[in-house]
Amino acid sequence: MNARQLLLLVGLTSTAYAQGRPPELERAQLAMSERHYDAALKALDALWKKPNLERDTVLTVFELRGLALASLGKADAADESFRALLALDPHRPLVGKYQGKAAGPIGSAAKWFEGSGAIEPAALPPGAQNGRVKQVGLQVKHDALQLARAARFHVRSETGTWKLTDVPLLNGAATLDVDGATVDWWAELLGERNSQLLFLASAGRPVHDVAPAPVVAVAPVAVTPAPSTDRPVEAPPPALSPTQGSQPAPVAGPSPVRTVGYVLLGTGVVAAALGVYFGVTSSSLRSGIMADLSAMRSTQTELYARDQRAIMNATIANALFIGAGVVGITGGVLWFVGHTEVQLAAGPGSVSVTGRF
């Protein structure tokens, strides 16, 4: 390894001490900076045997393991480690970052990634019955290395509390039985020994599944034909003279103005509901920020990003509430004044239409 790579590893080691990472990772980074590659691999193997590793630790293990193996001349094994790293983090800056023996395996892994792509978890359509969500699930795409083993679902229904359940992957998919008119959920994609690989959605922005309205079956109505008769055909009634024109009959017709009023009222209700959703989401984000800030569980960068999302949700909620008020009032006025009464009168060779507002 050259001097530039040693400086990078020293920087990683300093960051690890500051963030309180596992001691095995700290030993591996220190051994790499001192070019003790066998000792680094030994520390990384010990760390990999531990359960419930966080995603950032998993990515660092793959990167350091690839560098150590490449430095020992084990190019094929280093290539596999770099492939796993790119499959989980396609934006990882590897090409051009390291030189020497690591450049070859990194280039090979990058070429492989161009054809295989990154692992991608995607939500499946919810299973529903009788107007309630009965099943949620996810599917894992492009997992050529078979890194994903299970999914950890975080589900929240009408009770408002998150429930955690681990489900093994079967043929690249995992499903979970639930029960609710609406269900919010997010998931962690897990690897060996429940190591954290990827996320699908989050607690702040979960997947929101809603059951479709049940379809009401309408039984067909049997039509009985009228019995035939042998009565003679009667002559049509005589035509009316102009003085004998039929009296106009009032016909109640739908008013376009009132229809627009209905639409605006409905739009106002939807906007108000969305405003409530964004307001509650903003409040939830701020509560989580205060809790993490008190417990010192997140970095300042993460807290700032979450605070920006909370501000954005609050702004959207205020805009929706104002829009809902304006649209709702306009719809109510149009509904009130939109009633009309239409009358039709037919005479010989003419039809008259009259109306009253």
Protein backbone atom coordinates (compact mmCIF):
# COMPACT_ATOMS: atom_id res chain seq x y z
CA MET A 1 0.00 0.00 0.00
CA ASN A 2 1.23 3.53 -0.71
CA ALA A 3 1.40 6.51 1.64
CA ARG A 4 -1.95 7.91 0.46
CA GLN A 5 -3.75 4.67 1.31
CA LEU A 6 -2.09 4.57 4.74
CA LEU A 7 -3.40 8.08 5.44
CA LEU A 8 -6.91 6.98 4.46
CA LEU A 9 -6.74 4.02 6.85
CA VAL A 10 -5.45 6.20 9.67
CA GLY A 11 -8.40 8.53 9.07
CA LEU A 12 -10.79 5.58 9.23
CA THR A 13 -9.23 4.46 12.50
CA SER A 14 -9.62 7.90 14.07
CA THR A 15 -13.27 8.00 13.00
CA ALA A 16 -13.83 4.55 14.47
CA TYR A 17 -12.53 5.61 17.88
CA ALA A 18 -14.69 8.74 17.78
CA GLN A 19 -17.88 6.83 16.94
CA GLY A 20 -17.29 3.88 19.29
CA ARG A 21 -17.15 1.11 16.66
CA PRO A 22 -16.44 -2.52 17.58
CA PRO A 23 -12.92 -3.08 18.99
CA GLU A 24 -12.23 -5.78 16.37
CA LEU A 25 -12.76 -3.20 13.64
CA GLU A 26 -10.43 -0.77 15.35
CA ARG A 27 -7.73 -3.46 15.62
CA ALA A 28 -8.16 -4.35 11.93
CA GLN A 29 -7.83 -0.73 10.83
CA LEU A 30 -4.75 -0.22 13.01
CA ALA A 31 -3.16 -3.43 11.63
CA MET A 32 -3.86 -2.26 8.07
CA SER A 33 -2.18 1.09 8.74
CA GLU A 34 0.88 -0.83 10.02
CA ARG A 35 0.76 -3.23 7.00
CA HIS A 36 0.06 -6.26 9.21
CA TYR A 37 -2.45 -7.72 6.76
CA ASP A 38 -2.72 -11.20 8.34
CA ALA A 39 -3.51 -9.63 11.72
CA ALA A 40 -6.10 -7.39 10.06
CA LEU A 41 -7.84 -10.39 8.44
CA LYS A 42 -7.85 -12.22 11.76
CA ALA A 43 -9.58 -9.29 13.48
CA LEU A 44 -12.09 -8.93 10.63
CA ASP A 45 -12.94 -12.66 10.75
CA ALA A 46 -13.56 -12.40 14.49
CA LEU A 47 -15.83 -9.40 13.95
CA TRP A 48 -17.77 -11.11 11.12
CA LYS A 49 -18.73 -13.96 13.46
CA LYS A 50 -20.63 -11.55 15.70
CA PRO A 51 -24.43 -11.20 15.19
CA ASN A 52 -26.43 -8.06 14.42
CA LEU A 53 -23.67 -5.99 12.78
CA GLU A 54 -24.82 -2.56 11.61
CA ARG A 55 -24.76 -1.69 7.92
CA ASP A 56 -21.86 0.77 8.20
CA THR A 57 -19.75 -1.87 9.96
CA VAL A 58 -20.63 -4.49 7.30
CA LEU A 59 -19.53 -2.18 4.48
CA THR A 60 -16.27 -1.31 6.24
CA VAL A 61 -15.50 -5.02 6.80
CA PHE A 62 -15.93 -5.79 3.08
CA GLU A 63 -13.70 -2.86 2.09
CA LEU A 64 -10.89 -3.61 4.56
CA ARG A 65 -11.04 -7.34 3.83
CA GLY A 66 -10.67 -6.68 0.09
CA LEU A 67 -7.70 -4.39 0.67
CA ALA A 68 -5.96 -6.87 3.01
CA LEU A 69 -6.48 -9.81 0.65
CA ALA A 70 -5.26 -7.80 -2.34
CA SER A 71 -2.16 -6.73 -0.41
CA LEU A 72 -1.41 -10.41 0.32
CA GLY A 73 -1.72 -11.26 -3.39
CA LYS A 74 -5.07 -13.05 -3.05
CA ALA A 75 -6.74 -11.23 -5.96
CA ASP A 76 -9.73 -13.60 -6.44
CA ALA A 77 -10.78 -13.42 -2.79
CA ALA A 78 -10.31 -9.63 -2.81
CA ASP A 79 -12.47 -9.42 -5.95
CA GLU A 80 -15.32 -11.25 -4.15
CA SER A 81 -15.16 -8.88 -1.19
CA PHE A 82 -15.23 -5.79 -3.43
CA ARG A 83 -18.17 -7.25 -5.40
CA ALA A 84 -20.18 -7.64 -2.19
CA LEU A 85 -19.32 -4.07 -1.21
CA LEU A 86 -20.50 -2.60 -4.55
CA ALA A 87 -23.67 -4.73 -4.54
CA LEU A 88 -24.63 -3.18 -1.19
CA ASP A 89 -23.25 0.33 -1.79
CA PRO A 90 -23.01 1.10 -5.54
CA HIS A 91 -21.83 4.67 -4.86
CA ARG A 92 -18.80 3.56 -2.82
CA PRO A 93 -15.74 5.44 -4.22
CA LEU A 94 -13.31 2.58 -4.93
CA VAL A 95 -12.02 3.09 -8.47
CA GLY A 96 -9.15 5.59 -8.32
CA LYS A 97 -9.12 5.67 -4.52
CA TYR A 98 -6.65 2.79 -4.08
CA GLN A 99 -3.58 1.96 -6.14
CA GLY A 100 -1.07 -0.88 -6.23
CA LYS A 101 -2.26 -4.45 -5.76
CA ALA A 102 -5.80 -3.37 -4.90
CA ALA A 103 -6.41 -1.66 -8.28
CA GLY A 104 -6.75 -4.95 -10.20
CA PRO A 105 -9.44 -6.60 -8.00
CA ILE A 106 -11.31 -3.31 -7.72
CA GLY A 107 -11.40 -2.92 -11.51
CA SER A 108 -12.60 -6.51 -11.91
CA ALA A 109 -15.34 -5.99 -9.31
CA ALA A 110 -16.44 -2.74 -10.99
CA LYS A 111 -16.72 -4.51 -14.36
CA TRP A 112 -18.79 -7.29 -12.77
CA PHE A 113 -21.06 -4.69 -11.14
CA GLU A 114 -21.84 -3.10 -14.52
CA GLY A 115 -23.58 -6.33 -15.57
CA SER A 116 -25.11 -7.39 -12.25
CA GLY A 117 -26.17 -4.16 -10.56
CA ALA A 118 -26.93 -3.41 -6.91
CA ILE A 119 -29.19 -5.39 -4.60
CA GLU A 120 -32.65 -3.80 -4.60
CA PRO A 121 -35.45 -4.60 -2.12
CA ALA A 122 -38.93 -3.66 -3.41
CA ALA A 123 -42.34 -3.72 -1.72
CA LEU A 124 -44.89 -6.25 -2.95
CA PRO A 125 -48.58 -5.34 -3.47
CA PRO A 126 -50.46 -5.88 -0.19
CA GLY A 127 -52.76 -8.84 0.27
CA ALA A 128 -56.28 -7.71 1.21
CA GLN A 129 -59.59 -9.30 2.20
CA ASN A 130 -62.93 -7.78 3.21
CA GLY A 131 -61.56 -4.25 3.19
CA ARG A 132 -58.53 -5.01 5.41
CA VAL A 133 -54.81 -5.46 4.70
CA LYS A 134 -53.95 -9.08 5.49
CA GLN A 135 -50.36 -9.41 4.21
CA VAL A 136 -47.34 -7.23 3.41
CA GLY A 137 -44.10 -8.32 1.78
CA LEU A 138 -40.96 -7.48 -0.13
CA GLN A 139 -38.93 -8.95 -2.97
CA VAL A 140 -35.14 -8.79 -3.35
CA LYS A 141 -33.84 -8.10 -6.87
CA HIS A 142 -30.33 -8.46 -8.34
CA ASP A 143 -28.88 -10.44 -5.42
CA ALA A 144 -26.41 -12.38 -7.57
CA LEU A 145 -24.14 -13.10 -4.59
CA GLN A 146 -27.02 -14.38 -2.39
CA LEU A 147 -26.10 -12.02 0.44
CA ALA A 148 -29.65 -11.48 1.74
CA ARG A 149 -31.02 -14.13 4.09
CA ALA A 150 -34.03 -12.57 5.88
CA ALA A 151 -36.15 -9.45 6.26
CA ARG A 152 -36.87 -7.69 9.55
CA PHE A 153 -40.33 -6.09 9.28
CA HIS A 154 -41.32 -3.09 11.40
CA VAL A 155 -45.15 -2.92 11.20
CA ARG A 156 -47.56 -0.33 12.60
CA SER A 157 -51.35 -0.63 12.23
CA GLU A 158 -54.18 1.30 13.91
CA THR A 159 -52.58 0.87 17.36
CA GLY A 160 -49.75 3.22 16.38
CA THR A 161 -46.92 1.11 17.87
CA TRP A 162 -44.16 -0.55 15.83
CA LYS A 163 -43.99 -4.36 15.97
CA LEU A 164 -40.78 -6.10 14.87
CA THR A 165 -40.74 -9.53 13.15
CA ASP A 166 -37.92 -11.41 11.37
CA VAL A 167 -38.98 -13.44 8.31
CA PRO A 168 -36.61 -15.67 6.27
CA LEU A 169 -36.37 -15.09 2.53
CA LEU A 170 -37.91 -17.77 0.31
CA ASN A 171 -37.06 -17.57 -3.40
CA GLY A 172 -35.98 -13.98 -2.91
CA ALA A 173 -39.17 -12.83 -1.18
CA ALA A 174 -40.54 -12.48 2.36
CA THR A 175 -44.15 -11.91 3.44
CA LEU A 176 -45.78 -11.20 6.80
CA ASP A 177 -49.41 -11.67 7.89
CA VAL A 178 -50.99 -8.51 9.29
CA ASP A 179 -54.51 -7.20 9.95
CA GLY A 180 -55.58 -3.60 9.55
CA ALA A 181 -57.59 -1.21 7.41
CA THR A 182 -54.28 0.60 6.81
CA VAL A 183 -50.79 -0.66 7.61
CA ASP A 184 -47.50 1.30 7.75
CA TRP A 185 -44.26 -0.68 7.57
CA TRP A 186 -40.58 -0.61 6.74
CA ALA A 187 -37.95 -3.35 6.64
CA GLU A 188 -34.28 -4.16 7.13
CA LEU A 189 -32.64 -6.62 4.74
CA LEU A 190 -30.47 -9.00 6.78
CA GLY A 191 -27.49 -11.17 5.85
CA GLU A 192 -25.48 -13.77 7.75
CA ARG A 193 -26.09 -13.73 11.51
CA ASN A 194 -28.65 -10.94 11.04
CA SER A 195 -26.07 -8.45 9.77
CA GLN A 196 -27.76 -5.29 8.49
CA LEU A 197 -27.43 -4.94 4.70
CA LEU A 198 -30.06 -2.54 3.32
CA PHE A 199 -33.25 -0.68 4.22
CA LEU A 200 -36.64 -0.53 2.51
CA ALA A 201 -38.37 2.74 3.53
CA SER A 202 -37.92 4.01 7.12
CA ALA A 203 -39.82 4.82 10.31
CA GLY A 204 -40.11 8.45 9.18
CA ARG A 205 -41.27 7.54 5.66
CA PRO A 206 -42.78 4.03 5.82
CA VAL A 207 -44.63 2.06 3.14
CA HIS A 208 -48.35 2.89 3.52
CA ASP A 209 -50.64 0.04 2.43
CA VAL A 210 -54.42 0.54 2.18
CA ALA A 211 -56.94 -2.21 1.46
CA PRO A 212 -59.11 -1.60 -1.65
CA ALA A 213 -62.82 -1.15 -1.08
CA PRO A 214 -64.74 -4.47 -1.28
CA VAL A 215 -66.63 -5.03 -4.54
CA VAL A 216 -70.36 -5.62 -4.09
CA ALA A 217 -71.69 -8.31 -6.45
CA VAL A 218 -75.02 -7.45 -8.09
CA ALA A 219 -77.26 -10.39 -8.96
CA PRO A 220 -78.66 -10.28 -12.52
CA VAL A 221 -82.37 -9.53 -12.82
CA ALA A 222 -84.38 -11.95 -14.94
CA VAL A 223 -86.63 -10.26 -17.51
CA THR A 224 -89.97 -11.98 -18.19
CA PRO A 225 -91.34 -11.31 -21.70
CA ALA A 226 -94.83 -9.86 -21.83
CA PRO A 227 -97.56 -12.31 -22.98
CA SER A 228 -98.75 -11.87 -26.54
CA THR A 229 -102.34 -10.74 -27.23
CA ASP A 230 -104.63 -10.93 -30.24
CA ARG A 231 -106.15 -7.49 -29.73
CA PRO A 232 -106.33 -5.30 -32.83
CA VAL A 233 -103.81 -2.53 -33.21
CA GLU A 234 -105.31 0.77 -32.07
CA ALA A 235 -104.97 3.89 -34.17
CA PRO A 236 -102.59 6.58 -32.86
CA PRO A 237 -104.19 9.57 -31.12
CA PRO A 238 -104.85 12.66 -33.25
CA ALA A 239 -102.16 15.33 -33.40
CA LEU A 240 -102.68 18.33 -31.17
CA SER A 241 -103.33 21.72 -32.68
CA PRO A 242 -101.21 24.72 -31.72
CA THR A 243 -103.84 25.77 -29.19
CA GLN A 244 -103.85 22.29 -27.68
CA GLY A 245 -100.04 22.12 -26.97
CA SER A 246 -99.03 20.14 -23.92
CA GLN A 247 -98.39 22.00 -20.71
CA PRO A 248 -94.70 22.26 -19.71
CA ALA A 249 -93.65 19.58 -17.23
CA PRO A 250 -90.94 20.46 -14.76
CA VAL A 251 -87.88 18.30 -15.08
CA ALA A 252 -85.25 18.40 -12.37
CA GLY A 253 -81.83 18.48 -14.05
CA PRO A 254 -78.37 18.30 -12.51
CA SER A 255 -76.60 21.61 -12.21
CA PRO A 256 -73.03 21.82 -13.52
CA VAL A 257 -72.29 24.46 -10.88
CA ARG A 258 -73.43 22.18 -8.07
CA THR A 259 -71.37 19.31 -9.54
CA VAL A 260 -68.27 21.50 -9.43
CA GLY A 261 -69.17 22.32 -5.82
CA TYR A 262 -69.22 18.61 -4.94
CA VAL A 263 -65.82 18.14 -6.55
CA LEU A 264 -64.28 21.08 -4.68
CA LEU A 265 -65.72 19.91 -1.35
CA GLY A 266 -64.22 16.47 -1.90
CA THR A 267 -60.87 18.00 -2.87
CA GLY A 268 -60.89 20.09 0.31
CA VAL A 269 -61.49 17.01 2.46
CA VAL A 270 -58.62 15.13 0.77
CA ALA A 271 -56.27 18.12 1.18
CA ALA A 272 -57.17 18.39 4.87
CA ALA A 273 -56.52 14.67 5.39
CA LEU A 274 -53.12 14.97 3.70
CA GLY A 275 -52.34 17.98 5.85
CA VAL A 276 -53.09 15.95 8.98
CA TYR A 277 -50.79 13.15 7.72
CA PHE A 278 -47.87 15.49 7.00
CA GLY A 279 -48.41 17.29 10.31
CA VAL A 280 -48.36 14.06 12.30
CA THR A 281 -45.26 12.90 10.38
CA SER A 282 -43.47 16.18 11.17
CA SER A 283 -44.36 15.87 14.85
CA SER A 284 -43.16 12.25 14.91
CA LEU A 285 -39.84 13.22 13.31
CA ARG A 286 -39.28 16.00 15.82
CA SER A 287 -40.05 13.67 18.75
CA GLY A 288 -37.56 11.15 17.39
CA ILE A 289 -34.92 13.88 16.94
CA MET A 290 -35.33 15.05 20.55
CA ALA A 291 -35.12 11.48 21.83
CA ASP A 292 -32.00 10.67 19.79
CA LEU A 293 -30.43 13.99 20.72
CA SER A 294 -30.97 13.32 24.42
CA ALA A 295 -29.61 9.77 24.15
CA MET A 296 -26.79 10.85 21.74
CA ARG A 297 -27.73 8.03 19.37
CA SER A 298 -27.24 9.92 16.08
CA THR A 299 -24.68 12.20 14.50
CA GLN A 300 -25.28 15.90 13.95
CA THR A 301 -25.48 15.33 10.20
CA GLU A 302 -28.24 12.74 10.60
CA LEU A 303 -30.16 14.92 13.08
CA TYR A 304 -29.92 17.92 10.74
CA ALA A 305 -31.21 15.91 7.79
CA ARG A 306 -34.12 14.59 9.84
CA ASP A 307 -34.89 18.10 11.10
CA GLN A 308 -35.01 19.37 7.50
CA ARG A 309 -37.49 16.61 6.63
CA ALA A 310 -39.62 17.60 9.65
CA ILE A 311 -39.62 21.26 8.56
CA MET A 312 -40.56 20.26 4.99
CA ASN A 313 -43.46 18.09 6.23
CA ALA A 314 -44.72 20.91 8.49
CA THR A 315 -44.59 23.38 5.57
CA ILE A 316 -46.50 20.97 3.34
CA ALA A 317 -49.10 20.42 6.09
CA ASN A 318 -49.68 24.19 6.51
CA ALA A 319 -50.04 24.67 2.76
CA LEU A 320 -52.53 21.80 2.54
CA PHE A 321 -54.62 23.17 5.43
CA ILE A 322 -54.82 26.62 3.80
CA GLY A 323 -55.65 25.10 0.42
CA ALA A 324 -58.28 22.84 1.98
CA GLY A 325 -59.98 25.85 3.59
CA VAL A 326 -60.07 27.90 0.38
CA VAL A 327 -61.24 25.01 -1.81
CA GLY A 328 -63.82 23.84 0.75
CA ILE A 329 -65.38 27.32 1.12
CA THR A 330 -65.51 27.77 -2.66
CA GLY A 331 -67.13 24.35 -3.09
CA GLY A 332 -69.74 25.14 -0.41
CA VAL A 333 -70.72 28.43 -2.09
CA LEU A 334 -71.06 26.75 -5.49
CA TRP A 335 -73.16 23.94 -4.02
CA PHE A 336 -75.50 26.44 -2.33
CA VAL A 337 -76.11 28.64 -5.36
CA GLY A 338 -75.92 25.91 -8.03
CA HIS A 339 -79.56 24.63 -7.86
CA THR A 340 -81.56 24.99 -11.10
CA GLU A 341 -84.98 23.88 -12.25
CA VAL A 342 -85.53 23.06 -15.96
CA GLN A 343 -88.90 22.75 -17.73
CA LEU A 344 -89.51 21.22 -21.16
CA ALA A 345 -92.61 21.87 -23.30
CA ALA A 346 -93.30 20.18 -26.63
CA GLY A 347 -95.61 21.47 -29.35
CA PRO A 348 -96.18 20.75 -33.03
CA GLY A 349 -92.82 21.22 -34.72
CA SER A 350 -91.18 22.94 -31.70
CA VAL A 351 -89.72 22.32 -28.25
CA SER A 352 -89.39 25.05 -25.62
CA VAL A 353 -86.97 24.99 -22.65
CA THR A 354 -87.39 27.27 -19.63
CA GLY A 355 -85.44 27.40 -16.35
CA ARG A 356 -85.47 29.09 -12.96
CA PHE A 357 -82.35 29.83 -10.80
